[in-house]
Amino acid sequence: MFKEKKLYKSSDKKISGVCAGIAEFFEIDPTIVRVAYALIALFTAAVPCIIVYAILAFVIPESPFPDYQYNEFEQNKTDGNNQ
């Protein structure tokens, strides 16, 4: 009926998986979230952004599905929908 979404850190890690976990939650490319976060940190204040990232890395739980990574291109390959 209604599928409940939960936010987890991703196994697609660059640092701790926070940005990729957020991207998987919203079903977008993790690179977009990483670049947006870097730009926000660069143009606002880097220290608060680092503190927020550290808090999120501590608070957001690890994914119970360690092999799951949202990648629409890989999904199309495995589904046989190459077009």
N, C-alpha and C. Protein backbone atom coordinates (compact mmCIF):
# COMPACT_ATOMS: atom_id res chain seq x y z
N MET A 1 0.83 -1.18 0.00
CA MET A 1 0.00 0.00 0.00
C MET A 1 0.88 1.25 0.00
N PHE A 2 1.35 1.70 1.16
CA PHE A 2 2.18 2.89 1.26
C PHE A 2 3.56 2.47 1.73
N LYS A 3 4.56 2.73 0.92
CA LYS A 3 5.92 2.35 1.26
C LYS A 3 6.59 3.50 2.00
N GLU A 4 7.08 3.22 3.18
CA GLU A 4 7.74 4.23 4.00
C GLU A 4 9.21 4.34 3.60
N LYS A 5 9.65 5.57 3.29
CA LYS A 5 11.05 5.81 2.94
C LYS A 5 11.81 6.18 4.20
N LYS A 6 13.05 5.70 4.29
CA LYS A 6 13.91 6.07 5.40
C LYS A 6 15.24 6.54 4.86
N LEU A 7 15.85 7.46 5.57
CA LEU A 7 17.13 8.01 5.19
C LEU A 7 18.25 7.20 5.84
N TYR A 8 19.16 6.69 4.99
CA TYR A 8 20.32 5.95 5.46
C TYR A 8 21.57 6.49 4.77
N LYS A 9 22.72 6.28 5.41
CA LYS A 9 23.97 6.57 4.73
C LYS A 9 24.15 5.52 3.64
N SER A 10 24.73 5.94 2.54
CA SER A 10 24.88 5.06 1.39
C SER A 10 26.16 4.25 1.45
N SER A 11 26.17 3.15 0.73
CA SER A 11 27.42 2.39 0.56
C SER A 11 28.27 3.00 -0.55
N ASP A 12 27.69 3.94 -1.29
CA ASP A 12 28.42 4.67 -2.34
C ASP A 12 29.10 5.86 -1.67
N LYS A 13 30.19 5.59 -0.95
CA LYS A 13 30.81 6.59 -0.09
C LYS A 13 31.96 7.31 -0.77
N LYS A 14 32.05 8.59 -0.50
CA LYS A 14 33.25 9.37 -0.81
C LYS A 14 33.91 9.73 0.52
N ILE A 15 33.11 10.14 1.50
CA ILE A 15 33.62 10.40 2.85
C ILE A 15 32.91 9.45 3.82
N SER A 16 31.64 9.72 4.08
CA SER A 16 30.92 8.81 4.98
C SER A 16 29.58 8.34 4.41
N GLY A 17 29.21 8.78 3.22
CA GLY A 17 27.98 8.32 2.59
C GLY A 17 26.76 9.19 2.85
N VAL A 18 26.95 10.35 3.48
CA VAL A 18 25.81 11.22 3.81
C VAL A 18 25.17 11.79 2.54
N CYS A 19 25.96 12.41 1.68
CA CYS A 19 25.41 13.03 0.46
C CYS A 19 24.78 11.98 -0.45
N ALA A 20 25.43 10.84 -0.59
CA ALA A 20 24.88 9.79 -1.44
C ALA A 20 23.60 9.22 -0.83
N GLY A 21 23.54 9.14 0.49
CA GLY A 21 22.32 8.68 1.16
C GLY A 21 21.16 9.64 0.93
N ILE A 22 21.44 10.93 0.98
CA ILE A 22 20.41 11.93 0.70
C ILE A 22 19.97 11.81 -0.76
N ALA A 23 20.92 11.61 -1.65
CA ALA A 23 20.59 11.46 -3.07
C ALA A 23 19.73 10.22 -3.31
N GLU A 24 20.06 9.11 -2.65
CA GLU A 24 19.25 7.90 -2.80
C GLU A 24 17.84 8.12 -2.25
N PHE A 25 17.72 8.87 -1.17
CA PHE A 25 16.41 9.14 -0.58
C PHE A 25 15.53 9.90 -1.56
N PHE A 26 16.11 10.89 -2.25
CA PHE A 26 15.36 11.69 -3.22
C PHE A 26 15.44 11.15 -4.64
N GLU A 27 16.13 10.02 -4.82
CA GLU A 27 16.29 9.34 -6.11
C GLU A 27 16.88 10.26 -7.17
N ILE A 28 17.99 10.92 -6.82
CA ILE A 28 18.73 11.74 -7.76
C ILE A 28 20.19 11.30 -7.76
N ASP A 29 20.94 11.83 -8.69
CA ASP A 29 22.35 11.47 -8.82
C ASP A 29 23.14 12.00 -7.62
N PRO A 30 23.94 11.16 -6.96
CA PRO A 30 24.73 11.61 -5.81
C PRO A 30 25.70 12.73 -6.14
N THR A 31 26.18 12.79 -7.36
CA THR A 31 27.11 13.85 -7.75
C THR A 31 26.45 15.23 -7.63
N ILE A 32 25.18 15.32 -7.95
CA ILE A 32 24.46 16.59 -7.85
C ILE A 32 24.42 17.05 -6.40
N VAL A 33 24.13 16.15 -5.48
CA VAL A 33 24.07 16.50 -4.06
C VAL A 33 25.45 16.89 -3.56
N ARG A 34 26.48 16.15 -3.96
CA ARG A 34 27.85 16.47 -3.52
C ARG A 34 28.30 17.83 -4.03
N VAL A 35 28.03 18.13 -5.29
CA VAL A 35 28.42 19.43 -5.85
C VAL A 35 27.64 20.55 -5.19
N ALA A 36 26.34 20.36 -4.98
CA ALA A 36 25.53 21.38 -4.32
C ALA A 36 26.03 21.65 -2.91
N TYR A 37 26.36 20.60 -2.18
CA TYR A 37 26.88 20.76 -0.82
C TYR A 37 28.22 21.50 -0.84
N ALA A 38 29.09 21.16 -1.76
CA ALA A 38 30.39 21.83 -1.86
C ALA A 38 30.23 23.30 -2.20
N LEU A 39 29.31 23.62 -3.10
CA LEU A 39 29.08 25.01 -3.46
C LEU A 39 28.48 25.80 -2.30
N ILE A 40 27.55 25.19 -1.59
CA ILE A 40 26.97 25.85 -0.42
C ILE A 40 28.06 26.12 0.62
N ALA A 41 28.91 25.14 0.86
CA ALA A 41 30.00 25.32 1.82
C ALA A 41 30.97 26.39 1.36
N LEU A 42 31.26 26.43 0.08
CA LEU A 42 32.22 27.38 -0.46
C LEU A 42 31.70 28.81 -0.40
N PHE A 43 30.43 29.01 -0.75
CA PHE A 43 29.90 30.36 -0.84
C PHE A 43 29.22 30.87 0.43
N THR A 44 29.05 30.01 1.43
CA THR A 44 28.49 30.49 2.68
C THR A 44 29.57 30.44 3.76
N ALA A 45 29.59 29.40 4.51
CA ALA A 45 30.60 29.26 5.56
C ALA A 45 30.99 27.79 5.65
N ALA A 46 32.24 27.51 5.42
CA ALA A 46 32.70 26.12 5.37
C ALA A 46 32.64 25.44 6.73
N VAL A 47 33.00 26.13 7.79
CA VAL A 47 33.06 25.49 9.11
C VAL A 47 31.69 24.99 9.57
N PRO A 48 30.62 25.80 9.50
CA PRO A 48 29.31 25.25 9.89
C PRO A 48 28.87 24.08 9.00
N CYS A 49 29.20 24.12 7.73
CA CYS A 49 28.85 23.01 6.83
C CYS A 49 29.58 21.73 7.23
N ILE A 50 30.82 21.86 7.63
CA ILE A 50 31.59 20.69 8.08
C ILE A 50 31.00 20.14 9.37
N ILE A 51 30.60 21.03 10.26
CA ILE A 51 29.99 20.59 11.52
C ILE A 51 28.66 19.88 11.26
N VAL A 52 27.84 20.45 10.38
CA VAL A 52 26.56 19.82 10.03
C VAL A 52 26.80 18.45 9.40
N TYR A 53 27.77 18.35 8.50
CA TYR A 53 28.08 17.06 7.86
C TYR A 53 28.51 16.04 8.92
N ALA A 54 29.34 16.45 9.85
CA ALA A 54 29.80 15.54 10.90
C ALA A 54 28.64 15.07 11.76
N ILE A 55 27.73 15.98 12.09
CA ILE A 55 26.55 15.60 12.87
C ILE A 55 25.68 14.61 12.09
N LEU A 56 25.46 14.89 10.81
CA LEU A 56 24.67 13.98 9.98
C LEU A 56 25.34 12.61 9.86
N ALA A 57 26.66 12.59 9.72
CA ALA A 57 27.39 11.33 9.62
C ALA A 57 27.23 10.51 10.90
N PHE A 58 27.10 11.19 12.02
CA PHE A 58 26.93 10.51 13.30
C PHE A 58 25.48 10.06 13.52
N VAL A 59 24.51 10.89 13.09
CA VAL A 59 23.10 10.65 13.39
C VAL A 59 22.43 9.70 12.40
N ILE A 60 22.73 9.83 11.12
CA ILE A 60 22.08 8.99 10.10
C ILE A 60 22.62 7.57 10.20
N PRO A 61 21.74 6.58 10.29
CA PRO A 61 22.21 5.19 10.43
C PRO A 61 22.77 4.64 9.12
N GLU A 62 23.62 3.61 9.27
CA GLU A 62 24.13 2.90 8.10
C GLU A 62 22.99 2.17 7.41
N SER A 63 23.12 1.98 6.13
CA SER A 63 22.08 1.29 5.36
C SER A 63 22.03 -0.19 5.74
N PRO A 64 20.83 -0.72 5.96
CA PRO A 64 20.72 -2.16 6.19
C PRO A 64 20.87 -2.95 4.89
N PHE A 65 20.93 -2.24 3.77
CA PHE A 65 21.11 -2.85 2.45
C PHE A 65 22.46 -2.39 1.90
N PRO A 66 23.57 -2.98 2.33
CA PRO A 66 24.89 -2.44 1.99
C PRO A 66 25.23 -2.45 0.51
N ASP A 67 24.60 -3.30 -0.27
CA ASP A 67 24.94 -3.37 -1.69
C ASP A 67 24.07 -2.47 -2.55
N TYR A 68 23.03 -1.85 -1.96
CA TYR A 68 22.12 -1.01 -2.74
C TYR A 68 22.77 0.34 -3.03
N GLN A 69 22.72 0.72 -4.30
CA GLN A 69 23.14 2.05 -4.71
C GLN A 69 22.16 2.51 -5.78
N TYR A 70 21.63 3.71 -5.64
CA TYR A 70 20.75 4.23 -6.66
C TYR A 70 21.58 4.64 -7.86
N ASN A 71 21.36 3.97 -8.96
CA ASN A 71 22.07 4.31 -10.18
C ASN A 71 21.14 3.94 -11.32
N GLU A 72 20.43 4.92 -11.85
CA GLU A 72 19.42 4.64 -12.87
C GLU A 72 20.01 3.99 -14.11
N PHE A 73 21.27 4.29 -14.43
CA PHE A 73 21.88 3.70 -15.62
C PHE A 73 22.18 2.22 -15.39
N GLU A 74 22.64 1.87 -14.23
CA GLU A 74 22.88 0.47 -13.90
C GLU A 74 21.57 -0.30 -13.82
N GLN A 75 20.51 0.34 -13.29
CA GLN A 75 19.21 -0.32 -13.23
C GLN A 75 18.72 -0.65 -14.63
N ASN A 76 18.91 0.27 -15.57
CA ASN A 76 18.48 0.02 -16.94
C ASN A 76 19.26 -1.12 -17.55
N LYS A 77 20.55 -1.24 -17.24
CA LYS A 77 21.35 -2.34 -17.77
C LYS A 77 20.87 -3.68 -17.23
N THR A 78 20.59 -3.73 -15.91
CA THR A 78 20.18 -4.99 -15.32
C THR A 78 18.74 -5.34 -15.68
N ASP A 79 17.90 -4.35 -15.94
CA ASP A 79 16.51 -4.61 -16.30
C ASP A 79 16.36 -5.01 -17.77
N GLY A 80 17.43 -4.81 -18.54
CA GLY A 80 17.36 -5.12 -19.96
C GLY A 80 16.70 -4.03 -20.76
N ASN A 81 16.66 -2.82 -20.23
CA ASN A 81 16.01 -1.70 -20.91
C ASN A 81 17.02 -0.80 -21.60
N ASN A 82 18.06 -1.35 -22.18
CA ASN A 82 19.05 -0.53 -22.89
C ASN A 82 18.41 0.05 -24.13
N GLN A 83 18.43 1.36 -24.21
CA GLN A 83 17.85 2.00 -25.39
C GLN A 83 18.76 3.07 -25.88
